[in-house]
């Protein structure tokens, strides 16, 4: 942590320090106080506005990008676990390495094709 003396601060910064030292307590009974999903949505909109849009907010938040580009920020993609025969797992790993892709990408692509062909039936 960096120590900063009062002499190094501007008048505005000193005023902010004094304000921050004060007794800051939210008024949860005030009619404009937001809670839960409503508060989260309001906070997200404020951050998007401050950062210049949802894409910049996604970059700042980091983490894994959602698989669905239409998913809200912070949404997690559902996870399914599948057991594979050893030979199929080896083939999948070799194909993924040869194509420079992840096995999960190949599995999603194959499942999408399977679902599309069965929807048409």
N, C-alpha and C. Protein backbone atom coordinates (compact mmCIF):
# COMPACT_ATOMS: atom_id res chain seq x y z
N UNK A 1 0.84 -1.17 0.00
CA UNK A 1 0.00 0.00 0.00
C UNK A 1 0.89 1.24 0.00
N UNK A 2 0.50 2.25 -0.75
CA UNK A 2 1.27 3.48 -0.86
C UNK A 2 0.73 4.49 0.14
N UNK A 3 1.63 5.06 0.91
CA UNK A 3 1.25 6.10 1.88
C UNK A 3 1.28 7.45 1.18
N UNK A 4 0.23 8.25 1.39
CA UNK A 4 0.14 9.57 0.80
C UNK A 4 -0.15 10.55 1.93
N UNK A 5 0.62 11.62 1.98
CA UNK A 5 0.38 12.60 3.04
C UNK A 5 -0.65 13.62 2.56
N UNK A 6 -1.23 14.35 3.52
CA UNK A 6 -2.24 15.36 3.20
C UNK A 6 -1.68 16.44 2.28
N UNK A 7 -0.38 16.74 2.40
CA UNK A 7 0.21 17.78 1.55
C UNK A 7 0.21 17.39 0.07
N UNK A 8 0.21 16.07 -0.20
CA UNK A 8 0.23 15.59 -1.58
C UNK A 8 -1.14 15.63 -2.25
N UNK A 9 -2.19 15.90 -1.47
CA UNK A 9 -3.55 15.87 -1.99
C UNK A 9 -4.03 17.26 -2.38
N UNK A 10 -4.88 17.29 -3.39
CA UNK A 10 -5.53 18.55 -3.77
C UNK A 10 -6.64 18.84 -2.77
N UNK A 11 -7.19 20.03 -2.82
CA UNK A 11 -8.30 20.39 -1.93
C UNK A 11 -9.48 19.44 -2.15
N UNK A 12 -9.75 19.13 -3.41
CA UNK A 12 -10.86 18.22 -3.72
C UNK A 12 -10.61 16.83 -3.16
N UNK A 13 -9.38 16.33 -3.30
CA UNK A 13 -9.05 15.00 -2.78
C UNK A 13 -9.16 14.98 -1.25
N UNK A 14 -8.71 16.05 -0.58
CA UNK A 14 -8.84 16.12 0.88
C UNK A 14 -10.31 16.11 1.30
N UNK A 15 -11.13 16.83 0.55
CA UNK A 15 -12.57 16.86 0.85
C UNK A 15 -13.18 15.46 0.68
N UNK A 16 -12.75 14.74 -0.35
CA UNK A 16 -13.25 13.37 -0.55
C UNK A 16 -12.80 12.44 0.57
N UNK A 17 -11.57 12.60 1.03
CA UNK A 17 -11.08 11.79 2.15
C UNK A 17 -11.92 12.04 3.39
N UNK A 18 -12.21 13.29 3.67
CA UNK A 18 -13.03 13.62 4.84
C UNK A 18 -14.43 13.04 4.70
N UNK A 19 -14.98 13.14 3.49
CA UNK A 19 -16.31 12.58 3.25
C UNK A 19 -16.30 11.07 3.47
N UNK A 20 -15.25 10.39 2.96
CA UNK A 20 -15.16 8.94 3.09
C UNK A 20 -14.99 8.50 4.54
N UNK A 21 -14.37 9.33 5.37
CA UNK A 21 -14.19 9.00 6.78
C UNK A 21 -15.49 9.13 7.56
N UNK A 22 -16.48 9.78 6.95
CA UNK A 22 -17.74 10.04 7.64
C UNK A 22 -18.57 8.80 7.87
N UNK A 23 -19.69 9.03 8.47
CA UNK A 23 -20.63 7.96 8.80
C UNK A 23 -21.54 7.74 7.60
N UNK A 24 -21.12 6.85 6.72
CA UNK A 24 -21.88 6.60 5.51
C UNK A 24 -22.68 5.32 5.70
N UNK A 25 -23.98 5.48 5.81
CA UNK A 25 -24.86 4.33 5.97
C UNK A 25 -26.01 4.46 4.98
N UNK A 26 -26.29 3.41 4.23
CA UNK A 26 -27.40 3.49 3.28
C UNK A 26 -28.74 3.54 4.01
N UNK A 27 -29.66 4.25 3.45
CA UNK A 27 -31.00 4.33 3.99
C UNK A 27 -31.86 3.32 3.25
N UNK A 28 -31.99 2.12 3.80
CA UNK A 28 -32.71 1.05 3.13
C UNK A 28 -34.22 1.29 3.10
N UNK A 29 -34.69 2.22 3.90
CA UNK A 29 -36.12 2.51 3.93
C UNK A 29 -36.52 3.59 2.93
N UNK A 30 -35.55 4.25 2.33
CA UNK A 30 -35.86 5.31 1.38
C UNK A 30 -36.52 4.71 0.14
N UNK A 31 -37.55 5.37 -0.40
CA UNK A 31 -38.27 4.80 -1.54
C UNK A 31 -37.42 4.60 -2.79
N UNK A 32 -36.32 5.32 -2.93
CA UNK A 32 -35.50 5.16 -4.14
C UNK A 32 -34.42 4.10 -3.98
N UNK A 33 -34.32 3.47 -2.80
CA UNK A 33 -33.31 2.44 -2.58
C UNK A 33 -33.69 1.18 -3.35
N UNK A 34 -32.75 0.65 -4.13
CA UNK A 34 -33.00 -0.54 -4.93
C UNK A 34 -32.43 -1.77 -4.22
N UNK A 35 -33.03 -2.92 -4.48
CA UNK A 35 -32.60 -4.18 -3.87
C UNK A 35 -32.57 -5.28 -4.93
N UNK A 36 -31.78 -6.30 -4.68
CA UNK A 36 -31.78 -7.50 -5.50
C UNK A 36 -31.50 -7.26 -6.97
N UNK A 37 -32.30 -7.93 -7.82
CA UNK A 37 -32.10 -7.87 -9.27
C UNK A 37 -32.24 -6.44 -9.79
N UNK A 38 -33.15 -5.68 -9.20
CA UNK A 38 -33.35 -4.30 -9.63
C UNK A 38 -32.08 -3.47 -9.37
N UNK A 39 -31.45 -3.68 -8.22
CA UNK A 39 -30.22 -2.96 -7.90
C UNK A 39 -29.08 -3.41 -8.82
N UNK A 40 -29.02 -4.71 -9.10
CA UNK A 40 -27.97 -5.24 -9.98
C UNK A 40 -28.11 -4.66 -11.39
N UNK A 41 -29.34 -4.61 -11.88
CA UNK A 41 -29.59 -4.06 -13.22
C UNK A 41 -29.22 -2.58 -13.29
N UNK A 42 -29.58 -1.84 -12.25
CA UNK A 42 -29.26 -0.42 -12.20
C UNK A 42 -27.75 -0.21 -12.17
N UNK A 43 -27.05 -1.01 -11.37
CA UNK A 43 -25.60 -0.92 -11.29
C UNK A 43 -24.93 -1.27 -12.61
N UNK A 44 -25.47 -2.30 -13.28
CA UNK A 44 -24.92 -2.70 -14.57
C UNK A 44 -25.07 -1.57 -15.58
N UNK A 45 -26.24 -0.92 -15.60
CA UNK A 45 -26.46 0.18 -16.54
C UNK A 45 -25.52 1.35 -16.26
N UNK A 46 -25.29 1.64 -14.98
CA UNK A 46 -24.36 2.71 -14.63
C UNK A 46 -22.95 2.40 -15.10
N UNK A 47 -22.52 1.16 -14.88
CA UNK A 47 -21.17 0.76 -15.31
C UNK A 47 -21.04 0.78 -16.83
N UNK A 48 -22.07 0.31 -17.53
CA UNK A 48 -22.03 0.35 -18.99
C UNK A 48 -21.91 1.78 -19.49
N UNK A 49 -22.68 2.69 -18.88
CA UNK A 49 -22.63 4.09 -19.29
C UNK A 49 -21.25 4.68 -19.01
N UNK A 50 -20.68 4.35 -17.88
CA UNK A 50 -19.37 4.89 -17.51
C UNK A 50 -18.26 4.34 -18.39
N UNK A 51 -18.41 3.08 -18.83
CA UNK A 51 -17.35 2.43 -19.61
C UNK A 51 -17.57 2.50 -21.11
N UNK A 52 -18.70 3.02 -21.53
CA UNK A 52 -18.93 3.16 -22.97
C UNK A 52 -19.65 2.01 -23.62
N UNK A 53 -20.38 1.21 -22.86
CA UNK A 53 -21.20 0.16 -23.46
C UNK A 53 -20.96 -1.20 -22.87
N UNK A 54 -21.85 -2.16 -23.23
CA UNK A 54 -21.76 -3.51 -22.66
C UNK A 54 -20.49 -4.27 -23.02
N UNK A 55 -19.98 -4.06 -24.24
CA UNK A 55 -18.77 -4.79 -24.63
C UNK A 55 -17.58 -4.37 -23.77
N UNK A 56 -17.48 -3.08 -23.48
CA UNK A 56 -16.38 -2.62 -22.63
C UNK A 56 -16.54 -3.15 -21.21
N UNK A 57 -17.78 -3.25 -20.75
CA UNK A 57 -18.02 -3.81 -19.41
C UNK A 57 -17.60 -5.27 -19.37
N UNK A 58 -17.91 -6.01 -20.43
CA UNK A 58 -17.49 -7.43 -20.49
C UNK A 58 -15.97 -7.53 -20.41
N UNK A 59 -15.26 -6.63 -21.12
CA UNK A 59 -13.80 -6.65 -21.12
C UNK A 59 -13.26 -6.38 -19.72
N UNK A 60 -13.86 -5.41 -19.03
CA UNK A 60 -13.40 -5.03 -17.69
C UNK A 60 -13.66 -6.16 -16.70
N UNK A 61 -14.83 -6.78 -16.80
CA UNK A 61 -15.17 -7.85 -15.86
C UNK A 61 -14.31 -9.08 -16.06
N UNK A 62 -13.86 -9.28 -17.28
CA UNK A 62 -13.00 -10.42 -17.56
C UNK A 62 -13.74 -11.73 -17.41
N UNK A 63 -12.98 -12.75 -17.14
CA UNK A 63 -13.58 -14.07 -17.02
C UNK A 63 -13.88 -14.66 -18.37
N UNK A 64 -14.49 -15.80 -18.33
CA UNK A 64 -14.85 -16.51 -19.54
C UNK A 64 -16.01 -15.82 -20.24
N UNK A 65 -15.93 -15.60 -21.54
CA UNK A 65 -17.07 -15.01 -22.23
C UNK A 65 -18.21 -16.02 -22.30
N UNK A 66 -19.45 -15.55 -22.28
CA UNK A 66 -20.57 -16.50 -22.38
C UNK A 66 -20.59 -17.14 -23.76
N UNK A 67 -21.07 -18.37 -23.84
CA UNK A 67 -21.17 -19.05 -25.13
C UNK A 67 -22.26 -18.41 -25.98
N UNK A 68 -23.28 -17.87 -25.34
CA UNK A 68 -24.38 -17.21 -26.03
C UNK A 68 -24.12 -15.71 -26.03
N UNK A 69 -23.86 -15.11 -27.20
CA UNK A 69 -23.56 -13.68 -27.24
C UNK A 69 -24.71 -12.81 -26.74
N UNK A 70 -25.93 -13.35 -26.74
CA UNK A 70 -27.09 -12.58 -26.27
C UNK A 70 -27.28 -12.71 -24.76
N UNK A 71 -26.46 -13.52 -24.12
CA UNK A 71 -26.60 -13.73 -22.67
C UNK A 71 -26.24 -12.46 -21.93
N UNK A 72 -26.92 -12.19 -20.82
CA UNK A 72 -26.58 -11.00 -20.04
C UNK A 72 -25.20 -11.13 -19.41
N UNK A 73 -24.60 -10.00 -19.11
CA UNK A 73 -23.29 -10.00 -18.48
C UNK A 73 -23.35 -10.77 -17.17
N UNK A 74 -22.37 -11.62 -16.97
CA UNK A 74 -22.31 -12.40 -15.74
C UNK A 74 -23.05 -13.72 -15.81
N UNK A 75 -23.80 -13.95 -16.89
CA UNK A 75 -24.53 -15.21 -17.04
C UNK A 75 -23.54 -16.34 -17.25
N UNK A 76 -23.84 -17.46 -16.67
CA UNK A 76 -23.00 -18.64 -16.85
C UNK A 76 -23.67 -19.62 -17.78
N UNK A 77 -22.87 -20.24 -18.62
CA UNK A 77 -23.40 -21.24 -19.54
C UNK A 77 -23.64 -22.53 -18.76
N UNK A 78 -24.77 -23.20 -19.03
CA UNK A 78 -25.03 -24.47 -18.34
C UNK A 78 -23.95 -25.50 -18.68
N UNK A 79 -23.71 -26.39 -17.76
CA UNK A 79 -22.69 -27.43 -17.95
C UNK A 79 -23.37 -28.79 -17.98
N UNK A 80 -23.00 -29.61 -18.96
CA UNK A 80 -23.44 -31.00 -19.04
C UNK A 80 -22.20 -31.87 -19.01
N UNK A 81 -22.26 -32.93 -18.28
CA UNK A 81 -21.12 -33.86 -18.25
C UNK A 81 -21.50 -35.13 -18.99
N UNK A 82 -20.55 -35.63 -19.77
CA UNK A 82 -20.79 -36.82 -20.58
C UNK A 82 -19.62 -37.77 -20.41
N UNK A 83 -19.93 -39.02 -20.22
CA UNK A 83 -18.88 -40.05 -20.18
C UNK A 83 -18.68 -40.59 -21.59
N UNK A 84 -17.43 -40.78 -21.96
CA UNK A 84 -17.09 -41.28 -23.29
C UNK A 84 -16.28 -42.55 -23.17
N UNK A 85 -16.41 -43.45 -24.15
CA UNK A 85 -15.48 -44.58 -24.19
C UNK A 85 -14.07 -44.04 -24.40
N UNK A 86 -13.08 -44.74 -23.88
CA UNK A 86 -11.69 -44.27 -23.96
C UNK A 86 -11.26 -44.02 -25.40
N UNK A 87 -11.67 -44.91 -26.33
CA UNK A 87 -11.25 -44.75 -27.73
C UNK A 87 -11.84 -43.48 -28.33
N UNK A 88 -13.12 -43.19 -28.02
CA UNK A 88 -13.76 -41.99 -28.54
C UNK A 88 -13.11 -40.74 -27.94
N UNK A 89 -12.76 -40.80 -26.68
CA UNK A 89 -12.11 -39.68 -26.02
C UNK A 89 -10.75 -39.39 -26.65
N UNK A 90 -10.01 -40.46 -26.95
CA UNK A 90 -8.70 -40.31 -27.59
C UNK A 90 -8.85 -39.70 -28.98
N UNK A 91 -9.82 -40.20 -29.75
CA UNK A 91 -10.06 -39.65 -31.09
C UNK A 91 -10.44 -38.17 -31.02
N UNK A 92 -11.28 -37.85 -30.07
CA UNK A 92 -11.70 -36.45 -29.90
C UNK A 92 -10.51 -35.57 -29.55
N UNK A 93 -9.68 -36.01 -28.64
CA UNK A 93 -8.49 -35.24 -28.25
C UNK A 93 -7.55 -35.05 -29.42
N UNK A 94 -7.35 -36.10 -30.20
CA UNK A 94 -6.45 -36.02 -31.36
C UNK A 94 -7.01 -35.08 -32.42
N UNK A 95 -8.33 -35.15 -32.67
CA UNK A 95 -8.95 -34.26 -33.65
C UNK A 95 -8.86 -32.81 -33.20
N UNK A 96 -9.14 -32.57 -31.92
CA UNK A 96 -9.07 -31.20 -31.39
C UNK A 96 -7.66 -30.65 -31.53
N UNK A 97 -6.65 -31.46 -31.22
CA UNK A 97 -5.26 -31.01 -31.33
C UNK A 97 -4.90 -30.74 -32.80
N UNK A 98 -5.34 -31.61 -33.68
CA UNK A 98 -5.02 -31.46 -35.11
C UNK A 98 -5.67 -30.20 -35.68
N UNK A 99 -6.87 -29.86 -35.20
CA UNK A 99 -7.58 -28.69 -35.72
C UNK A 99 -7.32 -27.43 -34.91
N UNK A 100 -6.55 -27.57 -33.83
CA UNK A 100 -6.27 -26.41 -32.99
C UNK A 100 -7.52 -25.87 -32.30
N UNK A 101 -8.39 -26.78 -31.90
CA UNK A 101 -9.65 -26.40 -31.25
C UNK A 101 -9.77 -27.11 -29.91
N UNK A 102 -10.74 -26.73 -29.16
CA UNK A 102 -11.03 -27.42 -27.89
C UNK A 102 -12.02 -28.54 -28.15
N UNK A 103 -11.91 -29.59 -27.37
CA UNK A 103 -12.82 -30.72 -27.51
C UNK A 103 -14.27 -30.27 -27.28
N UNK A 104 -14.48 -29.37 -26.31
CA UNK A 104 -15.83 -28.92 -26.02
C UNK A 104 -16.46 -28.20 -27.21
N UNK A 105 -15.64 -27.50 -27.98
CA UNK A 105 -16.14 -26.81 -29.18
C UNK A 105 -16.62 -27.83 -30.21
N UNK A 106 -15.86 -28.88 -30.39
CA UNK A 106 -16.22 -29.93 -31.35
C UNK A 106 -17.50 -30.63 -30.89
N UNK A 107 -17.60 -30.89 -29.60
CA UNK A 107 -18.80 -31.55 -29.05
C UNK A 107 -20.02 -30.65 -29.26
N UNK A 108 -19.91 -29.34 -28.98
CA UNK A 108 -21.04 -28.42 -29.19
C UNK A 108 -21.46 -28.39 -30.65
N UNK A 109 -20.46 -28.36 -31.55
CA UNK A 109 -20.74 -28.32 -32.98
C UNK A 109 -21.46 -29.60 -33.42
N UNK A 110 -21.00 -30.75 -32.95
CA UNK A 110 -21.61 -32.03 -33.30
C UNK A 110 -23.03 -32.12 -32.74
N UNK A 111 -23.23 -31.66 -31.51
CA UNK A 111 -24.56 -31.70 -30.91
C UNK A 111 -25.52 -30.76 -31.63
N UNK A 112 -25.03 -29.59 -32.03
CA UNK A 112 -25.87 -28.64 -32.78
C UNK A 112 -26.34 -29.27 -34.10
N UNK A 113 -25.43 -29.95 -34.79
CA UNK A 113 -25.79 -30.61 -36.06
C UNK A 113 -26.80 -31.73 -35.80
N UNK A 114 -26.59 -32.49 -34.75
CA UNK A 114 -27.51 -33.59 -34.40
C UNK A 114 -28.90 -33.05 -34.08
N UNK A 115 -28.96 -32.00 -33.25
CA UNK A 115 -30.25 -31.42 -32.89
C UNK A 115 -30.96 -30.82 -34.10
N UNK A 116 -30.21 -30.16 -34.97
CA UNK A 116 -30.79 -29.57 -36.18
C UNK A 116 -31.37 -30.65 -37.09
N UNK A 117 -30.67 -31.77 -37.25
CA UNK A 117 -31.16 -32.84 -38.12
C UNK A 117 -32.39 -33.53 -37.52
N UNK A 118 -32.49 -33.57 -36.21
CA UNK A 118 -33.64 -34.22 -35.58
C UNK A 118 -34.83 -33.28 -35.47
N UNK A 119 -34.59 -31.97 -35.49
CA UNK A 119 -35.70 -31.00 -35.50
C UNK A 119 -36.42 -31.08 -36.84
N UNK A 120 -35.66 -31.30 -37.91
CA UNK A 120 -36.23 -31.33 -39.25
C UNK A 120 -37.06 -32.58 -39.47
N UNK A 121 -36.82 -33.64 -38.71
CA UNK A 121 -37.53 -34.92 -38.89
C UNK A 121 -38.96 -34.84 -38.45
